[in-house]
Amino acid sequence: MSNRWLEWAKRIQALSQSGLTFSKDVYDIERYEELRKISVEIMAEYTELEMNKVRDLFANETGYQTPKVDVRGVVFKNNQILMVKENIDDKWALPGGFCDIGLSPSENIVKEIKEESGFDVIPIRLIALLDKNKHPHPPEPFHYYKIFILCEIIGGKPTVGIETNNVQFFSEENLPQLSTNRNTESQIKTLFEFLMNPGKETIFD
């Protein structure tokens, strides 16, 4: 099914939020509020989210809308990749999550890997910066960029965190059921290319 409706709803939301941020005219503000209401109705109509949940998501957004940033750690050991099992859907993902304010991408991923897997790592290099819209993830109300950082284990041991219930390494030929909101099979297979070819150039989009 085409997701054009999702793109339209997100564009309407972004325009309305920008208008609410910069407009001073009371009538324009009313029009932008109405546009945001329309975007919420579209989201609620075509997704499984309840309208009040969509409204809360959008109402909490202020300022000029920009893509959100998700950072994921790429850790190899014995030709296998580190993954954690997410409590939220009981499926597997690279350790990571939204970037926290005040931390750089590399600082974020060191924190996320420790919290979700128990391992201490050092960041080695940025290997991919991807636009989530250009990959086969399930539809979502917001626009995301995904940062993949290659890391090396320097200590720690496998330990589940608050958001995870298992920690394992997987070969490319034996991947588990993936949490596709967080990572897709095609992305994981692309990451293995960096294991086979350490000189591979960073990819983007």
N, C-alpha and C. Protein backbone atom coordinates (compact mmCIF):
# COMPACT_ATOMS: atom_id res chain seq x y z
N MET A 1 0.84 -1.19 0.00
CA MET A 1 0.00 0.00 0.00
C MET A 1 0.88 1.25 0.00
N SER A 2 0.49 2.22 -0.81
CA SER A 2 1.25 3.46 -0.88
C SER A 2 1.18 4.20 0.44
N ASN A 3 2.29 4.81 0.82
CA ASN A 3 2.33 5.60 2.05
C ASN A 3 2.34 7.10 1.76
N ARG A 4 1.79 7.48 0.60
CA ARG A 4 1.73 8.89 0.28
C ARG A 4 0.97 9.67 1.35
N TRP A 5 -0.08 9.06 1.89
CA TRP A 5 -0.87 9.72 2.93
C TRP A 5 0.00 10.09 4.12
N LEU A 6 0.96 9.21 4.43
CA LEU A 6 1.84 9.47 5.57
C LEU A 6 2.73 10.68 5.29
N GLU A 7 3.27 10.74 4.07
CA GLU A 7 4.11 11.87 3.70
C GLU A 7 3.31 13.17 3.73
N TRP A 8 2.08 13.13 3.23
CA TRP A 8 1.23 14.33 3.25
C TRP A 8 0.96 14.78 4.69
N ALA A 9 0.61 13.80 5.55
CA ALA A 9 0.30 14.14 6.94
C ALA A 9 1.52 14.74 7.64
N LYS A 10 2.70 14.18 7.40
CA LYS A 10 3.91 14.69 8.05
C LYS A 10 4.26 16.08 7.53
N ARG A 11 4.05 16.32 6.25
CA ARG A 11 4.33 17.65 5.70
C ARG A 11 3.36 18.69 6.25
N ILE A 12 2.08 18.29 6.36
CA ILE A 12 1.09 19.21 6.94
C ILE A 12 1.45 19.53 8.38
N GLN A 13 1.85 18.50 9.13
CA GLN A 13 2.24 18.70 10.53
C GLN A 13 3.44 19.62 10.64
N ALA A 14 4.46 19.40 9.80
CA ALA A 14 5.67 20.22 9.86
C ALA A 14 5.37 21.68 9.52
N LEU A 15 4.54 21.89 8.49
CA LEU A 15 4.18 23.26 8.11
C LEU A 15 3.37 23.94 9.21
N SER A 16 2.43 23.21 9.79
CA SER A 16 1.61 23.80 10.85
C SER A 16 2.44 24.13 12.08
N GLN A 17 3.39 23.25 12.43
CA GLN A 17 4.22 23.51 13.60
C GLN A 17 5.13 24.72 13.38
N SER A 18 5.69 24.82 12.18
CA SER A 18 6.51 25.99 11.88
C SER A 18 5.68 27.26 11.92
N GLY A 19 4.45 27.19 11.38
CA GLY A 19 3.57 28.35 11.41
C GLY A 19 3.22 28.77 12.82
N LEU A 20 2.95 27.78 13.69
CA LEU A 20 2.64 28.09 15.09
C LEU A 20 3.84 28.68 15.81
N THR A 21 5.03 28.32 15.36
CA THR A 21 6.25 28.83 15.99
C THR A 21 6.50 30.29 15.64
N PHE A 22 6.29 30.63 14.39
CA PHE A 22 6.71 31.95 13.94
C PHE A 22 5.58 32.96 13.74
N SER A 23 4.35 32.49 13.65
CA SER A 23 3.25 33.41 13.36
C SER A 23 2.83 34.20 14.60
N LYS A 24 2.50 35.46 14.39
CA LYS A 24 2.02 36.33 15.47
C LYS A 24 0.53 36.68 15.30
N ASP A 25 0.02 36.47 14.09
CA ASP A 25 -1.37 36.83 13.80
C ASP A 25 -2.33 35.77 14.36
N VAL A 26 -3.33 36.21 15.12
CA VAL A 26 -4.23 35.27 15.79
C VAL A 26 -5.00 34.43 14.78
N TYR A 27 -5.35 35.01 13.64
CA TYR A 27 -6.11 34.25 12.64
C TYR A 27 -5.23 33.22 11.94
N ASP A 28 -3.97 33.58 11.68
CA ASP A 28 -3.05 32.61 11.11
C ASP A 28 -2.81 31.46 12.09
N ILE A 29 -2.69 31.77 13.38
CA ILE A 29 -2.49 30.73 14.38
C ILE A 29 -3.66 29.76 14.38
N GLU A 30 -4.88 30.29 14.25
CA GLU A 30 -6.06 29.42 14.19
C GLU A 30 -6.00 28.50 12.97
N ARG A 31 -5.54 29.04 11.85
CA ARG A 31 -5.45 28.24 10.63
C ARG A 31 -4.39 27.14 10.78
N TYR A 32 -3.26 27.47 11.39
CA TYR A 32 -2.22 26.47 11.61
C TYR A 32 -2.66 25.39 12.60
N GLU A 33 -3.43 25.77 13.60
CA GLU A 33 -3.99 24.79 14.54
C GLU A 33 -4.93 23.84 13.80
N GLU A 34 -5.71 24.40 12.87
CA GLU A 34 -6.62 23.56 12.09
C GLU A 34 -5.85 22.60 11.19
N LEU A 35 -4.75 23.08 10.62
CA LEU A 35 -3.92 22.20 9.80
C LEU A 35 -3.34 21.06 10.64
N ARG A 36 -2.89 21.38 11.84
CA ARG A 36 -2.35 20.33 12.71
C ARG A 36 -3.43 19.32 13.06
N LYS A 37 -4.63 19.80 13.30
CA LYS A 37 -5.76 18.91 13.59
C LYS A 37 -6.02 17.96 12.43
N ILE A 38 -5.94 18.49 11.20
CA ILE A 38 -6.14 17.65 10.01
C ILE A 38 -5.06 16.58 9.93
N SER A 39 -3.81 16.95 10.21
CA SER A 39 -2.73 15.96 10.15
C SER A 39 -2.95 14.86 11.19
N VAL A 40 -3.44 15.23 12.36
CA VAL A 40 -3.73 14.24 13.41
C VAL A 40 -4.83 13.29 12.95
N GLU A 41 -5.87 13.83 12.31
CA GLU A 41 -6.97 13.00 11.84
C GLU A 41 -6.51 12.02 10.76
N ILE A 42 -5.63 12.48 9.88
CA ILE A 42 -5.10 11.58 8.85
C ILE A 42 -4.31 10.44 9.49
N MET A 43 -3.43 10.78 10.44
CA MET A 43 -2.63 9.75 11.12
C MET A 43 -3.52 8.74 11.84
N ALA A 44 -4.51 9.23 12.54
CA ALA A 44 -5.39 8.34 13.30
C ALA A 44 -6.21 7.45 12.37
N GLU A 45 -6.58 7.97 11.21
CA GLU A 45 -7.40 7.21 10.27
C GLU A 45 -6.65 6.04 9.66
N TYR A 46 -5.34 6.25 9.38
CA TYR A 46 -4.58 5.25 8.62
C TYR A 46 -3.58 4.45 9.46
N THR A 47 -3.52 4.71 10.74
CA THR A 47 -2.64 3.93 11.61
C THR A 47 -3.45 3.32 12.74
N GLU A 48 -2.78 2.52 13.56
CA GLU A 48 -3.45 1.91 14.70
C GLU A 48 -3.40 2.79 15.93
N LEU A 49 -2.82 3.98 15.79
CA LEU A 49 -2.72 4.89 16.93
C LEU A 49 -4.05 5.59 17.17
N GLU A 50 -4.41 5.74 18.43
CA GLU A 50 -5.61 6.49 18.77
C GLU A 50 -5.36 7.98 18.55
N MET A 51 -6.44 8.71 18.21
CA MET A 51 -6.29 10.12 17.86
C MET A 51 -5.67 10.92 19.00
N ASN A 52 -6.07 10.62 20.24
CA ASN A 52 -5.51 11.40 21.36
C ASN A 52 -4.02 11.15 21.52
N LYS A 53 -3.54 9.94 21.19
CA LYS A 53 -2.10 9.66 21.27
C LYS A 53 -1.35 10.41 20.19
N VAL A 54 -1.93 10.45 18.97
CA VAL A 54 -1.29 11.20 17.90
C VAL A 54 -1.26 12.68 18.24
N ARG A 55 -2.38 13.18 18.77
CA ARG A 55 -2.47 14.59 19.14
C ARG A 55 -1.43 14.93 20.19
N ASP A 56 -1.26 14.05 21.17
CA ASP A 56 -0.26 14.29 22.22
C ASP A 56 1.15 14.31 21.65
N LEU A 57 1.43 13.42 20.69
CA LEU A 57 2.74 13.39 20.05
C LEU A 57 3.04 14.73 19.39
N PHE A 58 2.08 15.22 18.61
CA PHE A 58 2.29 16.45 17.87
C PHE A 58 2.25 17.67 18.77
N ALA A 59 1.37 17.66 19.77
CA ALA A 59 1.23 18.82 20.65
C ALA A 59 2.48 19.05 21.48
N ASN A 60 3.25 17.99 21.71
CA ASN A 60 4.48 18.13 22.49
C ASN A 60 5.64 18.68 21.68
N GLU A 61 5.45 18.78 20.37
CA GLU A 61 6.49 19.30 19.50
C GLU A 61 6.36 20.82 19.40
N THR A 62 7.48 21.51 19.57
CA THR A 62 7.50 22.96 19.43
C THR A 62 8.70 23.36 18.59
N GLY A 63 8.66 24.58 18.06
CA GLY A 63 9.78 25.06 17.27
C GLY A 63 9.74 24.52 15.85
N TYR A 64 10.72 24.92 15.07
CA TYR A 64 10.82 24.47 13.68
C TYR A 64 11.09 22.98 13.66
N GLN A 65 10.25 22.23 12.94
CA GLN A 65 10.38 20.78 12.99
C GLN A 65 11.52 20.28 12.11
N THR A 66 12.36 19.44 12.68
CA THR A 66 13.47 18.82 11.97
C THR A 66 13.46 17.32 12.22
N PRO A 67 14.18 16.51 11.43
CA PRO A 67 14.22 15.07 11.67
C PRO A 67 14.79 14.74 13.06
N LYS A 68 14.25 13.69 13.66
CA LYS A 68 14.78 13.19 14.92
C LYS A 68 15.99 12.30 14.61
N VAL A 69 16.87 12.11 15.59
CA VAL A 69 18.11 11.37 15.36
C VAL A 69 18.15 10.12 16.23
N ASP A 70 18.38 8.98 15.58
CA ASP A 70 18.50 7.69 16.25
C ASP A 70 19.90 7.16 15.99
N VAL A 71 20.60 6.73 17.04
CA VAL A 71 21.97 6.24 16.89
C VAL A 71 22.02 4.76 17.25
N ARG A 72 22.73 3.96 16.43
CA ARG A 72 22.83 2.51 16.63
C ARG A 72 24.30 2.08 16.63
N GLY A 73 24.62 1.18 17.54
CA GLY A 73 25.99 0.68 17.66
C GLY A 73 26.19 -0.58 16.85
N VAL A 74 27.29 -0.62 16.10
CA VAL A 74 27.63 -1.77 15.28
C VAL A 74 28.87 -2.41 15.89
N VAL A 75 28.68 -3.57 16.53
CA VAL A 75 29.76 -4.23 17.26
C VAL A 75 29.90 -5.66 16.75
N PHE A 76 31.09 -5.99 16.24
CA PHE A 76 31.35 -7.34 15.74
C PHE A 76 32.27 -8.10 16.68
N LYS A 77 32.03 -9.41 16.77
CA LYS A 77 32.89 -10.30 17.55
C LYS A 77 32.82 -11.68 16.90
N ASN A 78 33.98 -12.21 16.54
CA ASN A 78 34.04 -13.53 15.89
C ASN A 78 33.12 -13.59 14.67
N ASN A 79 33.15 -12.54 13.87
CA ASN A 79 32.36 -12.44 12.63
C ASN A 79 30.85 -12.45 12.88
N GLN A 80 30.46 -12.07 14.08
CA GLN A 80 29.04 -11.96 14.41
C GLN A 80 28.75 -10.55 14.91
N ILE A 81 27.48 -10.14 14.80
CA ILE A 81 27.08 -8.78 15.17
C ILE A 81 26.29 -8.80 16.47
N LEU A 82 26.53 -7.82 17.32
CA LEU A 82 25.86 -7.70 18.62
C LEU A 82 24.44 -7.18 18.43
N MET A 83 23.48 -7.89 19.06
CA MET A 83 22.09 -7.44 19.04
C MET A 83 21.46 -7.64 20.42
N VAL A 84 20.44 -6.84 20.70
CA VAL A 84 19.71 -6.96 21.96
C VAL A 84 18.23 -7.18 21.65
N LYS A 85 17.57 -7.90 22.55
CA LYS A 85 16.14 -8.19 22.37
C LYS A 85 15.34 -7.14 23.12
N GLU A 86 14.49 -6.42 22.38
CA GLU A 86 13.75 -5.29 22.94
C GLU A 86 12.53 -5.76 23.73
N ASN A 87 12.34 -5.20 24.91
CA ASN A 87 11.15 -5.53 25.69
C ASN A 87 9.87 -5.10 24.99
N ILE A 88 9.93 -3.99 24.26
CA ILE A 88 8.72 -3.39 23.71
C ILE A 88 8.03 -4.28 22.68
N ASP A 89 8.80 -5.05 21.91
CA ASP A 89 8.18 -5.93 20.91
C ASP A 89 8.76 -7.34 20.90
N ASP A 90 9.70 -7.62 21.82
CA ASP A 90 10.32 -8.94 21.94
C ASP A 90 11.05 -9.35 20.66
N LYS A 91 11.59 -8.36 19.95
CA LYS A 91 12.36 -8.62 18.74
C LYS A 91 13.74 -7.99 18.88
N TRP A 92 14.60 -8.25 17.90
CA TRP A 92 16.01 -7.94 18.05
C TRP A 92 16.43 -6.68 17.29
N ALA A 93 17.37 -5.96 17.89
CA ALA A 93 17.86 -4.72 17.28
C ALA A 93 19.31 -4.48 17.68
N LEU A 94 19.98 -3.67 16.90
CA LEU A 94 21.28 -3.16 17.32
C LEU A 94 21.07 -2.28 18.55
N PRO A 95 21.96 -2.33 19.52
CA PRO A 95 21.79 -1.45 20.69
C PRO A 95 21.83 0.01 20.26
N GLY A 96 20.97 0.81 20.88
CA GLY A 96 20.93 2.23 20.54
C GLY A 96 19.59 2.85 20.87
N GLY A 97 19.37 4.06 20.37
CA GLY A 97 18.13 4.77 20.62
C GLY A 97 18.27 6.23 20.24
N PHE A 98 17.29 7.02 20.66
CA PHE A 98 17.33 8.45 20.37
C PHE A 98 18.54 9.10 21.03
N CYS A 99 19.12 10.07 20.34
CA CYS A 99 20.23 10.83 20.92
C CYS A 99 19.73 11.74 22.04
N ASP A 100 20.42 11.72 23.16
CA ASP A 100 20.07 12.59 24.29
C ASP A 100 20.71 13.96 24.11
N ILE A 101 19.98 14.98 24.54
CA ILE A 101 20.51 16.34 24.52
C ILE A 101 21.75 16.41 25.41
N GLY A 102 22.78 17.10 24.94
CA GLY A 102 23.99 17.29 25.74
C GLY A 102 25.07 16.26 25.49
N LEU A 103 24.75 15.21 24.72
CA LEU A 103 25.74 14.19 24.39
C LEU A 103 25.96 14.16 22.89
N SER A 104 27.19 13.93 22.49
CA SER A 104 27.49 13.78 21.08
C SER A 104 27.01 12.41 20.61
N PRO A 105 26.94 12.16 19.28
CA PRO A 105 26.54 10.83 18.81
C PRO A 105 27.40 9.71 19.37
N SER A 106 28.73 9.90 19.42
CA SER A 106 29.59 8.83 19.94
C SER A 106 29.40 8.64 21.44
N GLU A 107 29.19 9.72 22.18
CA GLU A 107 28.91 9.60 23.62
C GLU A 107 27.59 8.90 23.84
N ASN A 108 26.61 9.19 23.01
CA ASN A 108 25.32 8.53 23.11
C ASN A 108 25.43 7.03 22.91
N ILE A 109 26.18 6.62 21.88
CA ILE A 109 26.21 5.19 21.58
C ILE A 109 26.98 4.41 22.64
N VAL A 110 28.02 5.01 23.20
CA VAL A 110 28.74 4.35 24.30
C VAL A 110 27.78 4.10 25.46
N LYS A 111 26.98 5.11 25.79
CA LYS A 111 26.01 4.99 26.88
C LYS A 111 24.95 3.93 26.57
N GLU A 112 24.40 3.98 25.34
CA GLU A 112 23.33 3.06 24.96
C GLU A 112 23.80 1.61 24.96
N ILE A 113 24.99 1.36 24.43
CA ILE A 113 25.49 -0.02 24.38
C ILE A 113 25.71 -0.55 25.79
N LYS A 114 26.26 0.29 26.68
CA LYS A 114 26.47 -0.14 28.07
C LYS A 114 25.14 -0.45 28.74
N GLU A 115 24.16 0.44 28.58
CA GLU A 115 22.87 0.27 29.26
C GLU A 115 22.09 -0.93 28.72
N GLU A 116 22.19 -1.19 27.42
CA GLU A 116 21.34 -2.22 26.82
C GLU A 116 22.01 -3.58 26.71
N SER A 117 23.35 -3.62 26.69
CA SER A 117 24.03 -4.91 26.49
C SER A 117 25.03 -5.26 27.58
N GLY A 118 25.48 -4.25 28.35
CA GLY A 118 26.46 -4.50 29.40
C GLY A 118 27.90 -4.33 28.96
N PHE A 119 28.15 -4.12 27.66
CA PHE A 119 29.51 -4.01 27.17
C PHE A 119 30.02 -2.57 27.22
N ASP A 120 31.30 -2.44 27.54
CA ASP A 120 32.00 -1.16 27.42
C ASP A 120 32.64 -1.12 26.04
N VAL A 121 32.45 -0.02 25.33
CA VAL A 121 32.98 0.08 23.97
C VAL A 121 33.66 1.43 23.75
N ILE A 122 34.43 1.47 22.68
CA ILE A 122 34.94 2.74 22.18
C ILE A 122 34.47 2.89 20.74
N PRO A 123 34.01 4.08 20.35
CA PRO A 123 33.60 4.31 18.96
C PRO A 123 34.81 4.32 18.04
N ILE A 124 34.68 3.68 16.89
CA ILE A 124 35.79 3.60 15.93
C ILE A 124 35.57 4.54 14.75
N ARG A 125 34.38 4.45 14.14
CA ARG A 125 34.12 5.31 13.00
C ARG A 125 32.63 5.33 12.67
N LEU A 126 32.21 6.40 12.04
CA LEU A 126 30.86 6.49 11.48
C LEU A 126 30.82 5.68 10.20
N ILE A 127 29.87 4.74 10.09
CA ILE A 127 29.83 3.93 8.87
C ILE A 127 28.57 4.18 8.04
N ALA A 128 27.51 4.73 8.65
CA ALA A 128 26.31 5.01 7.86
C ALA A 128 25.46 6.09 8.52
N LEU A 129 24.88 6.94 7.68
CA LEU A 129 23.91 7.94 8.10
C LEU A 129 22.73 7.80 7.14
N LEU A 130 21.63 7.22 7.62
CA LEU A 130 20.53 6.84 6.74
C LEU A 130 19.25 7.60 7.06
N ASP A 131 18.51 7.91 6.01
CA ASP A 131 17.18 8.50 6.11
C ASP A 131 16.19 7.35 6.23
N LYS A 132 15.48 7.29 7.33
CA LYS A 132 14.58 6.16 7.57
C LYS A 132 13.51 6.03 6.49
N ASN A 133 13.12 7.15 5.89
CA ASN A 133 12.10 7.12 4.85
C ASN A 133 12.55 6.37 3.60
N LYS A 134 13.86 6.22 3.42
CA LYS A 134 14.38 5.58 2.22
C LYS A 134 14.65 4.10 2.43
N HIS A 135 14.19 3.55 3.54
CA HIS A 135 14.42 2.14 3.86
C HIS A 135 13.10 1.50 4.30
N PRO A 136 13.00 0.17 4.20
CA PRO A 136 11.70 -0.50 4.41
C PRO A 136 11.29 -0.66 5.87
N HIS A 137 11.24 0.46 6.58
CA HIS A 137 10.73 0.45 7.95
C HIS A 137 9.21 0.62 7.93
N PRO A 138 8.50 0.19 8.97
CA PRO A 138 7.06 0.46 9.05
C PRO A 138 6.80 1.97 9.11
N PRO A 139 5.65 2.43 8.64
CA PRO A 139 5.32 3.87 8.67
C PRO A 139 5.32 4.42 10.09
N GLU A 140 5.83 5.65 10.25
CA GLU A 140 5.84 6.33 11.54
C GLU A 140 5.46 7.80 11.34
N PRO A 141 4.96 8.44 12.40
CA PRO A 141 4.49 9.82 12.24
C PRO A 141 5.60 10.85 12.06
N PHE A 142 6.81 10.54 12.48
CA PHE A 142 7.88 11.51 12.40
C PHE A 142 8.96 11.06 11.41
N HIS A 143 9.82 11.99 11.07
CA HIS A 143 10.92 11.74 10.14
C HIS A 143 12.19 11.51 10.97
N TYR A 144 12.92 10.43 10.65
CA TYR A 144 14.09 10.06 11.44
C TYR A 144 15.33 9.92 10.56
N TYR A 145 16.48 10.34 11.10
CA TYR A 145 17.78 9.97 10.57
C TYR A 145 18.38 8.92 11.50
N LYS A 146 19.07 7.93 10.92
CA LYS A 146 19.68 6.87 11.71
C LYS A 146 21.19 6.91 11.53
N ILE A 147 21.91 7.00 12.65
CA ILE A 147 23.37 7.03 12.64
C ILE A 147 23.90 5.66 13.10
N PHE A 148 24.74 5.04 12.29
CA PHE A 148 25.34 3.75 12.64
C PHE A 148 26.84 3.96 12.90
N ILE A 149 27.28 3.64 14.12
CA ILE A 149 28.67 3.86 14.51
C ILE A 149 29.33 2.52 14.84
N LEU A 150 30.43 2.24 14.17
CA LEU A 150 31.19 1.03 14.45
C LEU A 150 31.93 1.21 15.77
N CYS A 151 31.80 0.21 16.65
CA CYS A 151 32.43 0.28 17.98
C CYS A 151 33.22 -0.99 18.27
N GLU A 152 34.13 -0.88 19.22
CA GLU A 152 34.97 -2.02 19.63
C GLU A 152 34.81 -2.26 21.12
N ILE A 153 34.62 -3.51 21.50
CA ILE A 153 34.45 -3.87 22.90
C ILE A 153 35.79 -3.76 23.63
N ILE A 154 35.77 -3.11 24.79
CA ILE A 154 36.99 -2.99 25.60
C ILE A 154 36.78 -3.54 27.01
N GLY A 155 35.55 -3.99 27.30
CA GLY A 155 35.28 -4.52 28.63
C GLY A 155 33.81 -4.83 28.81
N GLY A 156 33.44 -5.17 30.04
CA GLY A 156 32.06 -5.49 30.35
C GLY A 156 31.72 -6.93 30.02
N LYS A 157 30.46 -7.27 30.24
CA LYS A 157 29.97 -8.61 29.93
C LYS A 157 28.49 -8.51 29.57
N PRO A 158 27.95 -9.53 28.86
CA PRO A 158 26.55 -9.46 28.44
C PRO A 158 25.60 -9.30 29.63
N THR A 159 24.87 -8.20 29.64
CA THR A 159 23.95 -7.89 30.74
C THR A 159 22.74 -7.16 30.17
N VAL A 160 21.54 -7.66 30.46
CA VAL A 160 20.35 -6.99 29.94
C VAL A 160 20.11 -5.69 30.70
N GLY A 161 19.39 -4.78 30.06
CA GLY A 161 19.08 -3.50 30.67
C GLY A 161 17.61 -3.34 30.93
N ILE A 162 17.19 -2.13 31.25
CA ILE A 162 15.78 -1.84 31.54
C ILE A 162 14.91 -2.10 30.32
N GLU A 163 15.45 -1.81 29.11
CA GLU A 163 14.66 -1.92 27.88
C GLU A 163 14.92 -3.21 27.11
N THR A 164 15.81 -4.06 27.62
CA THR A 164 16.18 -5.28 26.88
C THR A 164 16.07 -6.50 27.78
N ASN A 165 15.89 -7.68 27.14
CA ASN A 165 15.76 -8.91 27.92
C ASN A 165 16.69 -10.02 27.43
N ASN A 166 17.56 -9.72 26.46
CA ASN A 166 18.52 -10.72 26.00
C ASN A 166 19.63 -10.01 25.22
N VAL A 167 20.81 -10.61 25.24
CA VAL A 167 21.97 -10.05 24.54
C VAL A 167 22.68 -11.21 23.84
N GLN A 168 22.85 -11.10 22.51
CA GLN A 168 23.52 -12.17 21.78
C GLN A 168 24.25 -11.61 20.57
N PHE A 169 25.16 -12.43 20.02
CA PHE A 169 25.81 -12.14 18.75
C PHE A 169 25.24 -13.07 17.69
N PHE A 170 25.06 -12.55 16.47
CA PHE A 170 24.46 -13.33 15.39
C PHE A 170 25.30 -13.23 14.12
N SER A 171 25.37 -14.34 13.39
CA SER A 171 26.04 -14.34 12.10
C SER A 171 25.09 -13.78 11.04
N GLU A 172 25.65 -13.39 9.92
CA GLU A 172 24.83 -12.83 8.83
C GLU A 172 23.84 -13.86 8.31
N GLU A 173 24.21 -15.13 8.37
CA GLU A 173 23.33 -16.18 7.84
C GLU A 173 22.28 -16.65 8.85
N ASN A 174 22.34 -16.16 10.07
CA ASN A 174 21.43 -16.66 11.11
C ASN A 174 20.86 -15.50 11.91
N LEU A 175 20.31 -14.51 11.22
CA LEU A 175 19.75 -13.35 11.92
C LEU A 175 18.43 -13.71 12.60
N PRO A 176 18.16 -13.12 13.76
CA PRO A 176 16.90 -13.38 14.47
C PRO A 176 15.77 -12.54 13.89
N GLN A 177 14.59 -12.66 14.48
CA GLN A 177 13.46 -11.83 14.07
C GLN A 177 13.76 -10.39 14.47
N LEU A 178 13.80 -9.50 13.50
CA LEU A 178 14.26 -8.14 13.74
C LEU A 178 13.12 -7.20 14.12
N SER A 179 13.47 -6.23 14.96
CA SER A 179 12.57 -5.13 15.29
C SER A 179 12.71 -4.11 14.15
N THR A 180 11.84 -4.20 13.16
CA THR A 180 12.02 -3.43 11.92
C THR A 180 11.78 -1.94 12.10
N ASN A 181 11.18 -1.52 13.21
CA ASN A 181 11.15 -0.09 13.49
C ASN A 181 12.55 0.44 13.74
N ARG A 182 13.45 -0.43 14.19
CA ARG A 182 14.79 -0.02 14.59
C ARG A 182 15.86 -0.36 13.56
N ASN A 183 15.73 -1.52 12.92
CA ASN A 183 16.70 -1.90 11.90
C ASN A 183 16.08 -2.95 10.98
N THR A 184 16.47 -2.92 9.72
CA THR A 184 15.94 -3.86 8.74
C THR A 184 17.01 -4.89 8.36
N GLU A 185 16.57 -5.97 7.76
CA GLU A 185 17.51 -7.01 7.35
C GLU A 185 18.51 -6.47 6.33
N SER A 186 18.03 -5.66 5.39
CA SER A 186 18.94 -5.11 4.38
C SER A 186 20.00 -4.22 5.02
N GLN A 187 19.63 -3.48 6.06
CA GLN A 187 20.61 -2.65 6.76
C GLN A 187 21.65 -3.51 7.46
N ILE A 188 21.20 -4.56 8.16
CA ILE A 188 22.14 -5.43 8.87
C ILE A 188 23.12 -6.07 7.90
N LYS A 189 22.61 -6.53 6.76
CA LYS A 189 23.48 -7.16 5.77
C LYS A 189 24.48 -6.15 5.19
N THR A 190 24.04 -4.91 5.03
CA THR A 190 24.96 -3.87 4.57
C THR A 190 26.06 -3.63 5.60
N LEU A 191 25.71 -3.68 6.88
CA LEU A 191 26.70 -3.46 7.93
C LEU A 191 27.76 -4.56 7.93
N PHE A 192 27.36 -5.79 7.59
CA PHE A 192 28.34 -6.88 7.51
C PHE A 192 29.37 -6.62 6.41
N GLU A 193 29.03 -5.81 5.42
CA GLU A 193 29.99 -5.47 4.37
C GLU A 193 31.19 -4.73 4.95
N PHE A 194 30.94 -3.96 6.02
CA PHE A 194 32.05 -3.24 6.66
C PHE A 194 32.96 -4.19 7.42
N LEU A 195 32.42 -5.32 7.87
CA LEU A 195 33.25 -6.34 8.51
C LEU A 195 34.16 -7.00 7.49
N MET A 196 33.60 -7.30 6.32
CA MET A 196 34.37 -7.95 5.27
C MET A 196 35.33 -6.98 4.58
N ASN A 197 34.96 -5.70 4.56
CA ASN A 197 35.77 -4.69 3.88
C ASN A 197 35.93 -3.47 4.77
N PRO A 198 36.89 -3.49 5.69
CA PRO A 198 37.06 -2.38 6.65
C PRO A 198 37.31 -1.02 5.99
N GLY A 199 37.76 -1.03 4.74
CA GLY A 199 38.01 0.22 4.05
C GLY A 199 36.81 0.78 3.32
N LYS A 200 35.68 0.11 3.43
CA LYS A 200 34.46 0.56 2.74
C LYS A 200 34.10 1.96 3.17
N GLU A 201 33.72 2.79 2.20
CA GLU A 201 33.39 4.17 2.50
C GLU A 201 32.06 4.30 3.24
N THR A 202 31.96 5.32 4.08
CA THR A 202 30.71 5.60 4.77
C THR A 202 29.58 5.78 3.78
N ILE A 203 28.40 5.22 4.11
CA ILE A 203 27.25 5.36 3.23
C ILE A 203 26.26 6.34 3.84
N PHE A 204 25.45 6.94 3.00
CA PHE A 204 24.45 7.89 3.50
C PHE A 204 23.19 7.83 2.65
N ASP A 205 22.10 8.29 3.26
CA ASP A 205 20.76 8.25 2.67
C ASP A 205 20.24 6.82 2.55
